[in-house]
Amino acid sequence: MLRTLGLGTVLVAWFGVGWATQGWAQEARPQNCVDCHDRVGGTRLSGPPSELLARSIHKDLDCTACHQSISMASLEPTSTKPHGEKVEPVRCGECHEE
């Protein structure tokens, strides 16, 4: 079959599929926390995190200012635990008196 298709056709098909799937994966990767957390249910919060944060005294902080064990670089978006096995709790005492 490879002889009838020609090497050029096979290479174009091979690289085309690789390029297409790479582009899809990059588009699907979340760019910030609310890409997932404002649409995923089942949290203990009383509303979408972006809305709660907008009304909070912490509204000028990035999520990772408090959630220090989480980074977008180490995110595994296709995993059932995208932030790893254990997410460290927020340590408010680092900025606030306990």
PDB file of N, CA and C in Angstrom:
ATOM      1  N   MET A   1       0.821  -1.197   0.000  1.00  0.00           N
ATOM      2  CA  MET A   1       0.000   0.000   0.000  1.00  0.00           C
ATOM      3  C   MET A   1       0.865   1.262   0.000  1.00  0.00           C
ATOM      4  N   LEU A   2       1.989   1.251   0.726  1.00  0.00           N
ATOM      5  CA  LEU A   2       2.855   2.422   0.758  1.00  0.00           C
ATOM      6  C   LEU A   2       3.390   2.769  -0.623  1.00  0.00           C
ATOM      7  N   ARG A   3       3.647   1.754  -1.435  1.00  0.00           N
ATOM      8  CA  ARG A   3       4.162   2.019  -2.783  1.00  0.00           C
ATOM      9  C   ARG A   3       3.143   2.769  -3.627  1.00  0.00           C
ATOM     10  N   THR A   4       1.866   2.438  -3.498  1.00  0.00           N
ATOM     11  CA  THR A   4       0.846   3.079  -4.325  1.00  0.00           C
ATOM     12  C   THR A   4       0.532   4.490  -3.849  1.00  0.00           C
ATOM     13  N   LEU A   5       0.652   4.748  -2.572  1.00  0.00           N
ATOM     14  CA  LEU A   5       0.374   6.089  -2.061  1.00  0.00           C
ATOM     15  C   LEU A   5       1.530   7.052  -2.312  1.00  0.00           C
ATOM     16  N   GLY A   6       2.712   6.559  -2.290  1.00  0.00           N
ATOM     17  CA  GLY A   6       3.881   7.410  -2.464  1.00  0.00           C
ATOM     18  C   GLY A   6       4.353   7.942  -1.124  1.00  0.00           C
ATOM     19  N   LEU A   7       5.630   8.074  -1.006  1.00  0.00           N
ATOM     20  CA  LEU A   7       6.232   8.517   0.253  1.00  0.00           C
ATOM     21  C   LEU A   7       5.774   9.926   0.631  1.00  0.00           C
ATOM     22  N   GLY A   8       5.632  10.800  -0.337  1.00  0.00           N
ATOM     23  CA  GLY A   8       5.203  12.179  -0.059  1.00  0.00           C
ATOM     24  C   GLY A   8       3.824  12.224   0.580  1.00  0.00           C
ATOM     25  N   THR A   9       2.898  11.446   0.063  1.00  0.00           N
ATOM     26  CA  THR A   9       1.544  11.398   0.613  1.00  0.00           C
ATOM     27  C   THR A   9       1.550  10.890   2.043  1.00  0.00           C
ATOM     28  N   VAL A  10       2.346   9.854   2.296  1.00  0.00           N
ATOM     29  CA  VAL A  10       2.436   9.288   3.644  1.00  0.00           C
ATOM     30  C   VAL A  10       3.008  10.313   4.617  1.00  0.00           C
ATOM     31  N   LEU A  11       4.074  11.012   4.201  1.00  0.00           N
ATOM     32  CA  LEU A  11       4.689  12.020   5.079  1.00  0.00           C
ATOM     33  C   LEU A  11       3.730  13.177   5.362  1.00  0.00           C
ATOM     34  N   VAL A  12       3.031  13.652   4.352  1.00  0.00           N
ATOM     35  CA  VAL A  12       2.068  14.735   4.554  1.00  0.00           C
ATOM     36  C   VAL A  12       0.978  14.296   5.524  1.00  0.00           C
ATOM     37  N   ALA A  13       0.474  13.090   5.341  1.00  0.00           N
ATOM     38  CA  ALA A  13      -0.566  12.577   6.240  1.00  0.00           C
ATOM     39  C   ALA A  13      -0.020  12.447   7.662  1.00  0.00           C
ATOM     40  N   TRP A  14       1.174  11.908   7.804  1.00  0.00           N
ATOM     41  CA  TRP A  14       1.777  11.705   9.130  1.00  0.00           C
ATOM     42  C   TRP A  14       1.967  13.030   9.859  1.00  0.00           C
ATOM     43  N   PHE A  15       2.611  13.991   9.206  1.00  0.00           N
ATOM     44  CA  PHE A  15       2.872  15.272   9.855  1.00  0.00           C
ATOM     45  C   PHE A  15       1.593  16.089  10.026  1.00  0.00           C
ATOM     46  N   GLY A  16       0.657  15.950   9.108  1.00  0.00           N
ATOM     47  CA  GLY A  16      -0.624  16.657   9.224  1.00  0.00           C
ATOM     48  C   GLY A  16      -1.396  16.215  10.452  1.00  0.00           C
ATOM     49  N   VAL A  17      -1.444  14.909  10.702  1.00  0.00           N
ATOM     50  CA  VAL A  17      -2.124  14.385  11.891  1.00  0.00           C
ATOM     51  C   VAL A  17      -1.413  14.858  13.149  1.00  0.00           C
ATOM     52  N   GLY A  18      -0.087  14.804  13.138  1.00  0.00           N
ATOM     53  CA  GLY A  18       0.679  15.265  14.302  1.00  0.00           C
ATOM     54  C   GLY A  18       0.455  16.733  14.578  1.00  0.00           C
ATOM     55  N   TRP A  19       0.450  17.554  13.539  1.00  0.00           N
ATOM     56  CA  TRP A  19       0.225  18.985  13.698  1.00  0.00           C
ATOM     57  C   TRP A  19      -1.189  19.270  14.196  1.00  0.00           C
ATOM     58  N   ALA A  20      -2.158  18.573  13.646  1.00  0.00           N
ATOM     59  CA  ALA A  20      -3.557  18.793  14.045  1.00  0.00           C
ATOM     60  C   ALA A  20      -3.790  18.413  15.495  1.00  0.00           C
ATOM     61  N   THR A  21      -3.249  17.283  15.921  1.00  0.00           N
ATOM     62  CA  THR A  21      -3.466  16.876  17.313  1.00  0.00           C
ATOM     63  C   THR A  21      -2.687  17.758  18.269  1.00  0.00           C
ATOM     64  N   GLN A  22      -1.525  18.254  17.867  1.00  0.00           N
ATOM     65  CA  GLN A  22      -0.768  19.155  18.723  1.00  0.00           C
ATOM     66  C   GLN A  22      -1.528  20.461  18.892  1.00  0.00           C
ATOM     67  N   GLY A  23      -2.090  20.995  17.837  1.00  0.00           N
ATOM     68  CA  GLY A  23      -2.874  22.230  17.926  1.00  0.00           C
ATOM     69  C   GLY A  23      -4.090  22.054  18.805  1.00  0.00           C
ATOM     70  N   TRP A  24      -4.771  20.932  18.692  1.00  0.00           N
ATOM     71  CA  TRP A  24      -5.947  20.676  19.524  1.00  0.00           C
ATOM     72  C   TRP A  24      -5.565  20.623  20.994  1.00  0.00           C
ATOM     73  N   ALA A  25      -4.469  19.917  21.298  1.00  0.00           N
ATOM     74  CA  ALA A  25      -4.048  19.785  22.694  1.00  0.00           C
ATOM     75  C   ALA A  25      -3.682  21.141  23.279  1.00  0.00           C
ATOM     76  N   GLN A  26      -3.046  21.997  22.503  1.00  0.00           N
ATOM     77  CA  GLN A  26      -2.682  23.312  23.011  1.00  0.00           C
ATOM     78  C   GLN A  26      -3.911  24.159  23.253  1.00  0.00           C
ATOM     79  N   GLU A  27      -4.909  24.086  22.398  1.00  0.00           N
ATOM     80  CA  GLU A  27      -6.129  24.858  22.595  1.00  0.00           C
ATOM     81  C   GLU A  27      -6.911  24.362  23.797  1.00  0.00           C
ATOM     82  N   ALA A  28      -6.877  23.069  24.075  1.00  0.00           N
ATOM     83  CA  ALA A  28      -7.650  22.500  25.160  1.00  0.00           C
ATOM     84  C   ALA A  28      -7.009  22.764  26.514  1.00  0.00           C
ATOM     85  N   ARG A  29      -5.726  23.080  26.551  1.00  0.00           N
ATOM     86  CA  ARG A  29      -5.028  23.290  27.815  1.00  0.00           C
ATOM     87  C   ARG A  29      -5.532  24.582  28.462  1.00  0.00           C
ATOM     88  N   PRO A  30      -5.976  24.508  29.707  1.00  0.00           N
ATOM     89  CA  PRO A  30      -6.447  25.715  30.397  1.00  0.00           C
ATOM     90  C   PRO A  30      -5.337  26.754  30.524  1.00  0.00           C
ATOM     91  N   GLN A  31      -5.699  28.007  30.412  1.00  0.00           N
ATOM     92  CA  GLN A  31      -4.735  29.099  30.517  1.00  0.00           C
ATOM     93  C   GLN A  31      -4.716  29.712  31.916  1.00  0.00           C
ATOM     94  N   ASN A  32      -5.814  29.565  32.643  1.00  0.00           N
ATOM     95  CA  ASN A  32      -5.873  30.069  34.010  1.00  0.00           C
ATOM     96  C   ASN A  32      -6.869  29.236  34.810  1.00  0.00           C
ATOM     97  N   CYS A  33      -6.950  29.474  36.079  1.00  0.00           N
ATOM     98  CA  CYS A  33      -7.742  28.633  36.989  1.00  0.00           C
ATOM     99  C   CYS A  33      -9.227  28.587  36.629  1.00  0.00           C
ATOM    100  N   VAL A  34      -9.800  29.752  36.275  1.00  0.00           N
ATOM    101  CA  VAL A  34     -11.235  29.790  36.027  1.00  0.00           C
ATOM    102  C   VAL A  34     -11.647  29.083  34.743  1.00  0.00           C
ATOM    103  N   ASP A  35     -10.688  28.758  33.876  1.00  0.00           N
ATOM    104  CA  ASP A  35     -11.037  27.977  32.685  1.00  0.00           C
ATOM    105  C   ASP A  35     -11.696  26.662  33.086  1.00  0.00           C
ATOM    106  N   CYS A  36     -11.280  26.096  34.209  1.00  0.00           N
ATOM    107  CA  CYS A  36     -11.874  24.851  34.705  1.00  0.00           C
ATOM    108  C   CYS A  36     -12.783  25.094  35.912  1.00  0.00           C
ATOM    109  N   HIS A  37     -12.329  25.868  36.851  1.00  0.00           N
ATOM    110  CA  HIS A  37     -13.024  25.961  38.128  1.00  0.00           C
ATOM    111  C   HIS A  37     -14.332  26.722  38.091  1.00  0.00           C
ATOM    112  N   ASP A  38     -14.577  27.540  37.103  1.00  0.00           N
ATOM    113  CA  ASP A  38     -15.876  28.190  37.004  1.00  0.00           C
ATOM    114  C   ASP A  38     -16.899  27.306  36.310  1.00  0.00           C
ATOM    115  N   ARG A  39     -16.456  26.197  35.706  1.00  0.00           N
ATOM    116  CA  ARG A  39     -17.403  25.317  35.021  1.00  0.00           C
ATOM    117  C   ARG A  39     -17.510  23.938  35.659  1.00  0.00           C
ATOM    118  N   VAL A  40     -16.629  23.603  36.569  1.00  0.00           N
ATOM    119  CA  VAL A  40     -16.660  22.299  37.219  1.00  0.00           C
ATOM    120  C   VAL A  40     -17.493  22.400  38.488  1.00  0.00           C
ATOM    121  N   GLY A  41     -18.477  21.545  38.644  1.00  0.00           N
ATOM    122  CA  GLY A  41     -19.315  21.556  39.839  1.00  0.00           C
ATOM    123  C   GLY A  41     -18.719  20.704  40.937  1.00  0.00           C
ATOM    124  N   GLY A  42     -19.461  20.570  42.018  1.00  0.00           N
ATOM    125  CA  GLY A  42     -19.064  19.681  43.097  1.00  0.00           C
ATOM    126  C   GLY A  42     -18.068  20.280  44.071  1.00  0.00           C
ATOM    127  N   THR A  43     -17.942  21.603  44.089  1.00  0.00           N
ATOM    128  CA  THR A  43     -17.029  22.212  45.043  1.00  0.00           C
ATOM    129  C   THR A  43     -17.790  22.583  46.316  1.00  0.00           C
ATOM    130  N   ARG A  44     -17.044  22.936  47.333  1.00  0.00           N
ATOM    131  CA  ARG A  44     -17.661  23.359  48.598  1.00  0.00           C
ATOM    132  C   ARG A  44     -17.956  24.848  48.607  1.00  0.00           C
ATOM    133  N   LEU A  45     -17.749  25.507  47.500  1.00  0.00           N
ATOM    134  CA  LEU A  45     -17.945  26.949  47.432  1.00  0.00           C
ATOM    135  C   LEU A  45     -19.406  27.296  47.190  1.00  0.00           C
ATOM    136  N   SER A  46     -19.781  28.516  47.563  1.00  0.00           N
ATOM    137  CA  SER A  46     -21.168  28.945  47.397  1.00  0.00           C
ATOM    138  C   SER A  46     -21.427  29.578  46.034  1.00  0.00           C
ATOM    139  N   GLY A  47     -20.441  29.566  45.162  1.00  0.00           N
ATOM    140  CA  GLY A  47     -20.605  30.126  43.830  1.00  0.00           C
ATOM    141  C   GLY A  47     -19.339  29.943  43.027  1.00  0.00           C
ATOM    142  N   PRO A  48     -19.345  30.427  41.784  1.00  0.00           N
ATOM    143  CA  PRO A  48     -18.143  30.328  40.952  1.00  0.00           C
ATOM    144  C   PRO A  48     -16.978  31.081  41.599  1.00  0.00           C
ATOM    145  N   PRO A  49     -15.788  30.491  41.634  1.00  0.00           N
ATOM    146  CA  PRO A  49     -14.646  31.138  42.289  1.00  0.00           C
ATOM    147  C   PRO A  49     -14.355  32.549  41.779  1.00  0.00           C
ATOM    148  N   SER A  50     -14.482  32.787  40.491  1.00  0.00           N
ATOM    149  CA  SER A  50     -14.172  34.133  39.984  1.00  0.00           C
ATOM    150  C   SER A  50     -15.132  35.177  40.543  1.00  0.00           C
ATOM    151  N   GLU A  51     -16.396  34.815  40.706  1.00  0.00           N
ATOM    152  CA  GLU A  51     -17.366  35.755  41.281  1.00  0.00           C
ATOM    153  C   GLU A  51     -17.107  35.969  42.771  1.00  0.00           C
ATOM    154  N   LEU A  52     -16.788  34.888  43.477  1.00  0.00           N
ATOM    155  CA  LEU A  52     -16.486  35.014  44.904  1.00  0.00           C
ATOM    156  C   LEU A  52     -15.225  35.844  45.117  1.00  0.00           C
ATOM    157  N   LEU A  53     -14.212  35.605  44.309  1.00  0.00           N
ATOM    158  CA  LEU A  53     -12.964  36.345  44.434  1.00  0.00           C
ATOM    159  C   LEU A  53     -13.165  37.822  44.103  1.00  0.00           C
ATOM    160  N   ALA A  54     -13.996  38.120  43.119  1.00  0.00           N
ATOM    161  CA  ALA A  54     -14.245  39.515  42.722  1.00  0.00           C
ATOM    162  C   ALA A  54     -14.849  40.329  43.865  1.00  0.00           C
ATOM    163  N   ARG A  55     -15.570  39.676  44.778  1.00  0.00           N
ATOM    164  CA  ARG A  55     -16.189  40.368  45.923  1.00  0.00           C
ATOM    165  C   ARG A  55     -15.338  40.261  47.186  1.00  0.00           C
ATOM    166  N   SER A  56     -14.178  39.641  47.075  1.00  0.00           N
ATOM    167  CA  SER A  56     -13.331  39.361  48.228  1.00  0.00           C
ATOM    168  C   SER A  56     -12.275  40.442  48.434  1.00  0.00           C
ATOM    169  N   ILE A  57     -11.770  40.531  49.644  1.00  0.00           N
ATOM    170  CA  ILE A  57     -10.651  41.425  49.928  1.00  0.00           C
ATOM    171  C   ILE A  57      -9.388  40.961  49.186  1.00  0.00           C
ATOM    172  N   HIS A  58      -9.383  39.720  48.762  1.00  0.00           N
ATOM    173  CA  HIS A  58      -8.235  39.145  48.042  1.00  0.00           C
ATOM    174  C   HIS A  58      -8.344  39.308  46.528  1.00  0.00           C
ATOM    175  N   LYS A  59      -9.258  40.124  46.045  1.00  0.00           N
ATOM    176  CA  LYS A  59      -9.544  40.221  44.602  1.00  0.00           C
ATOM    177  C   LYS A  59      -8.351  40.646  43.752  1.00  0.00           C
ATOM    178  N   ASP A  60      -7.357  41.298  44.341  1.00  0.00           N
ATOM    179  CA  ASP A  60      -6.195  41.726  43.568  1.00  0.00           C
ATOM    180  C   ASP A  60      -5.079  40.680  43.531  1.00  0.00           C
ATOM    181  N   LEU A  61      -5.293  39.542  44.163  1.00  0.00           N
ATOM    182  CA  LEU A  61      -4.287  38.476  44.203  1.00  0.00           C
ATOM    183  C   LEU A  61      -4.560  37.427  43.136  1.00  0.00           C
ATOM    184  N   ASP A  62      -3.507  36.803  42.661  1.00  0.00           N
ATOM    185  CA  ASP A  62      -3.664  35.628  41.795  1.00  0.00           C
ATOM    186  C   ASP A  62      -4.054  34.444  42.673  1.00  0.00           C
ATOM    187  N   CYS A  63      -4.702  33.455  42.089  1.00  0.00           N
ATOM    188  CA  CYS A  63      -5.099  32.248  42.838  1.00  0.00           C
ATOM    189  C   CYS A  63      -3.894  31.596  43.514  1.00  0.00           C
ATOM    190  N   THR A  64      -2.759  31.579  42.805  1.00  0.00           N
ATOM    191  CA  THR A  64      -1.578  30.900  43.327  1.00  0.00           C
ATOM    192  C   THR A  64      -0.880  31.667  44.449  1.00  0.00           C
ATOM    193  N   ALA A  65      -1.321  32.886  44.747  1.00  0.00           N
ATOM    194  CA  ALA A  65      -0.782  33.597  45.905  1.00  0.00           C
ATOM    195  C   ALA A  65      -1.160  32.850  47.184  1.00  0.00           C
ATOM    196  N   CYS A  66      -2.338  32.258  47.202  1.00  0.00           N
ATOM    197  CA  CYS A  66      -2.789  31.471  48.359  1.00  0.00           C
ATOM    198  C   CYS A  66      -2.624  29.971  48.120  1.00  0.00           C
ATOM    199  N   HIS A  67      -2.924  29.537  46.918  1.00  0.00           N
ATOM    200  CA  HIS A  67      -2.812  28.115  46.560  1.00  0.00           C
ATOM    201  C   HIS A  67      -1.414  27.883  45.984  1.00  0.00           C
ATOM    202  N   GLN A  68      -0.411  27.954  46.847  1.00  0.00           N
ATOM    203  CA  GLN A  68       0.987  27.966  46.412  1.00  0.00           C
ATOM    204  C   GLN A  68       1.477  26.632  45.855  1.00  0.00           C
ATOM    205  N   SER A  69       0.817  25.538  46.182  1.00  0.00           N
ATOM    206  CA  SER A  69       1.287  24.233  45.691  1.00  0.00           C
ATOM    207  C   SER A  69       0.796  23.937  44.274  1.00  0.00           C
ATOM    208  N   ILE A  70       0.031  24.842  43.696  1.00  0.00           N
ATOM    209  CA  ILE A  70      -0.551  24.628  42.369  1.00  0.00           C
ATOM    210  C   ILE A  70       0.116  25.554  41.364  1.00  0.00           C
ATOM    211  N   SER A  71       0.446  25.000  40.202  1.00  0.00           N
ATOM    212  CA  SER A  71       0.973  25.839  39.123  1.00  0.00           C
ATOM    213  C   SER A  71       0.385  25.361  37.799  1.00  0.00           C
ATOM    214  N   MET A  72       0.215  26.269  36.881  1.00  0.00           N
ATOM    215  CA  MET A  72      -0.296  25.908  35.565  1.00  0.00           C
ATOM    216  C   MET A  72       0.721  25.047  34.816  1.00  0.00           C
ATOM    217  N   ALA A  73       2.003  25.236  35.106  1.00  0.00           N
ATOM    218  CA  ALA A  73       3.046  24.480  34.411  1.00  0.00           C
ATOM    219  C   ALA A  73       2.987  22.994  34.742  1.00  0.00           C
ATOM    220  N   SER A  74       2.600  22.653  35.963  1.00  0.00           N
ATOM    221  CA  SER A  74       2.568  21.244  36.358  1.00  0.00           C
ATOM    222  C   SER A  74       1.179  20.618  36.204  1.00  0.00           C
ATOM    223  N   LEU A  75       0.249  21.339  35.646  1.00  0.00           N
ATOM    224  CA  LEU A  75      -1.121  20.869  35.479  1.00  0.00           C
ATOM    225  C   LEU A  75      -1.203  19.717  34.489  1.00  0.00           C
ATOM    226  N   GLU A  76      -1.992  18.698  34.822  1.00  0.00           N
ATOM    227  CA  GLU A  76      -2.278  17.569  33.931  1.00  0.00           C
ATOM    228  C   GLU A  76      -3.777  17.614  33.615  1.00  0.00           C
ATOM    229  N   PRO A  77      -4.204  18.412  32.623  1.00  0.00           N
ATOM    230  CA  PRO A  77      -5.629  18.659  32.396  1.00  0.00           C
ATOM    231  C   PRO A  77      -6.468  17.443  32.038  1.00  0.00           C
ATOM    232  N   THR A  78      -5.870  16.360  31.549  1.00  0.00           N
ATOM    233  CA  THR A  78      -6.656  15.191  31.185  1.00  0.00           C
ATOM    234  C   THR A  78      -6.771  14.193  32.335  1.00  0.00           C
ATOM    235  N   SER A  79      -6.115  14.466  33.441  1.00  0.00           N
ATOM    236  CA  SER A  79      -6.132  13.570  34.596  1.00  0.00           C
ATOM    237  C   SER A  79      -7.377  13.799  35.446  1.00  0.00           C
ATOM    238  N   THR A  80      -7.793  12.781  36.184  1.00  0.00           N
ATOM    239  CA  THR A  80      -8.889  12.958  37.133  1.00  0.00           C
ATOM    240  C   THR A  80      -8.439  13.769  38.344  1.00  0.00           C
ATOM    241  N   LYS A  81      -7.132  13.871  38.541  1.00  0.00           N
ATOM    242  CA  LYS A  81      -6.558  14.720  39.593  1.00  0.00           C
ATOM    243  C   LYS A  81      -5.532  15.638  38.925  1.00  0.00           C
ATOM    244  N   PRO A  82      -6.009  16.680  38.232  1.00  0.00           N
ATOM    245  CA  PRO A  82      -5.105  17.507  37.428  1.00  0.00           C
ATOM    246  C   PRO A  82      -4.020  18.233  38.219  1.00  0.00           C
ATOM    247  N   HIS A  83      -4.215  18.388  39.523  1.00  0.00           N
ATOM    248  CA  HIS A  83      -3.212  19.066  40.349  1.00  0.00           C
ATOM    249  C   HIS A  83      -2.348  18.082  41.128  1.00  0.00           C
ATOM    250  N   GLY A  84      -2.437  16.804  40.816  1.00  0.00           N
ATOM    251  CA  GLY A  84      -1.650  15.793  41.498  1.00  0.00           C
ATOM    252  C   GLY A  84      -2.461  15.084  42.567  1.00  0.00           C
ATOM    253  N   GLU A  85      -1.827  14.151  43.224  1.00  0.00           N
ATOM    254  CA  GLU A  85      -2.510  13.337  44.234  1.00  0.00           C
ATOM    255  C   GLU A  85      -2.984  14.143  45.425  1.00  0.00           C
ATOM    256  N   LYS A  86      -2.188  15.115  45.851  1.00  0.00           N
ATOM    257  CA  LYS A  86      -2.553  15.889  47.036  1.00  0.00           C
ATOM    258  C   LYS A  86      -2.288  17.372  46.802  1.00  0.00           C
ATOM    259  N   VAL A  87      -3.307  18.172  47.020  1.00  0.00           N
ATOM    260  CA  VAL A  87      -3.156  19.618  46.936  1.00  0.00           C
ATOM    261  C   VAL A  87      -2.966  20.122  48.358  1.00  0.00           C
ATOM    262  N   GLU A  88      -1.901  20.858  48.559  1.00  0.00           N
ATOM    263  CA  GLU A  88      -1.619  21.381  49.895  1.00  0.00           C
ATOM    264  C   GLU A  88      -2.682  22.404  50.283  1.00  0.00           C
ATOM    265  N   PRO A  89      -3.088  22.419  51.556  1.00  0.00           N
ATOM    266  CA  PRO A  89      -4.087  23.404  51.993  1.00  0.00           C
ATOM    267  C   PRO A  89      -3.498  24.821  51.984  1.00  0.00           C
ATOM    268  N   VAL A  90      -4.374  25.783  51.887  1.00  0.00           N
ATOM    269  CA  VAL A  90      -3.960  27.186  51.948  1.00  0.00           C
ATOM    270  C   VAL A  90      -3.493  27.482  53.363  1.00  0.00           C
ATOM    271  N   ARG A  91      -2.384  28.197  53.460  1.00  0.00           N
ATOM    272  CA  ARG A  91      -1.821  28.569  54.763  1.00  0.00           C
ATOM    273  C   ARG A  91      -2.027  30.069  54.969  1.00  0.00           C
ATOM    274  N   CYS A  92      -3.172  30.422  55.493  1.00  0.00           N
ATOM    275  CA  CYS A  92      -3.507  31.834  55.685  1.00  0.00           C
ATOM    276  C   CYS A  92      -2.537  32.527  56.640  1.00  0.00           C
ATOM    277  N   GLY A  93      -1.966  31.759  57.573  1.00  0.00           N
ATOM    278  CA  GLY A  93      -1.061  32.314  58.571  1.00  0.00           C
ATOM    279  C   GLY A  93       0.231  32.865  57.992  1.00  0.00           C
ATOM    280  N   GLU A  94       0.526  32.576  56.736  1.00  0.00           N
ATOM    281  CA  GLU A  94       1.712  33.151  56.124  1.00  0.00           C
ATOM    282  C   GLU A  94       1.561  34.647  55.898  1.00  0.00           C
ATOM    283  N   CYS A  95       0.324  35.109  55.737  1.00  0.00           N
ATOM    284  CA  CYS A  95       0.060  36.545  55.557  1.00  0.00           C
ATOM    285  C   CYS A  95      -0.741  37.133  56.726  1.00  0.00           C
ATOM    286  N   HIS A  96      -1.556  36.312  57.345  1.00  0.00           N
ATOM    287  CA  HIS A  96      -2.449  36.785  58.413  1.00  0.00           C
ATOM    288  C   HIS A  96      -2.043  36.172  59.742  1.00  0.00           C
ATOM    289  N   GLU A  97      -2.331  36.887  60.830  1.00  0.00           N
ATOM    290  CA  GLU A  97      -2.152  36.298  62.149  1.00  0.00           C
ATOM    291  C   GLU A  97      -3.248  35.264  62.341  1.00  0.00           C
ATOM    292  N   GLU A  98      -2.879  34.161  62.932  1.00  0.00           N
ATOM    293  CA  GLU A  98      -3.879  33.079  63.091  1.00  0.00           C
ATOM    294  C   GLU A  98      -4.771  33.294  64.267  1.00  0.00           C
TER     295      GLU A  98
END
